Amino acid sequence: MSSTPIATPDDIAKHGWTAVPCDAAAILKDRAYIHKPTAFKFTDIPFPGDPIVAKIQAYAKEHLTEQTYNHSMRVFYWGYSIIKDQFPEHASKLSMSTWALTCLLHDIGTTDHNLRATLLSFEFYGGILALNLTKEHGAPVAQAEAVAEAIIRHQDLGTVGTITFLGQVVQLATVYDNMGMNPGLIDETTRLDVNRAYPRKGWSGCFSKTIRTENSLKPWAHTTHLGEEDFPEGVKGNKLMADVDGWGL
């Protein structure tokens, strides 16, 4: 007895389900970049305006702190640049709406309310919230689940196994913004212009504090696998973004 598949091969590519190595260094072949990054200006990068994205963007802006919302938007622009420059074979197929939904909701689990509403680690709870929210607003299953999977695994850094392409890009973009990792992936023009458009307003200290808050509330939190001290201190001491961290204060 046959059943209708949840996703077609086109859905797999469109929503970033293609399996890629977890190890970012392996993907980049231990180089600063695969292709020289483009000097994008903020205005060069279109943000998708479809109804689902518009509704989720409004939700994120309402529920996230300004610093977290700005971080989420910066992640969209970093990821857009990474996808277009480093992975052109995916760029022509991946839905930028799916990418935008992932960025907007990837830290939804870090709000004061959501950190205390569950025993789950913030990425896992955030993934569940994102799955429900995107479905409620009409996202197809393949898109809603792709967003949830990427959010659940966006701090699942490692060197063994595979991850979805969408999950790998959100990892690359978030660790670039949070810790200044793989600085060669983004052109300096892009780094400055996106930070100007969505200022950090002390993001390094803000997110470091959030990490410590979750770890104190939930000593079992998945975040601890990045290092109970190494991770918050790495975020707080982000040297790449030190010159722009105070913008907007």
Foldseek 3Di string as FASTA:
>chain_A
DDDDDLDDPLLCLAQQVDKDFLAVCVLQVVDLAPFQFDLDFPVNDDQDDDPLLVVLLVVLVVQPDLLLQLLLVQLLLLLLRLCVGHPVVSNVRYHSSLLSLLSSQLQSCLGPCNLPVDLAASLLSSLVVQLVSSVVSPDRNSSSNSSSQLSNCLVVHDGDDIGGRSNSSSVVSNCCVQQVPSVSSHDPSHVVNSCQVRPNQQVLLVVLVSLLVSCVVHVPHPNCVVPSPCRNVSRNPRPVCPVRNNPPD
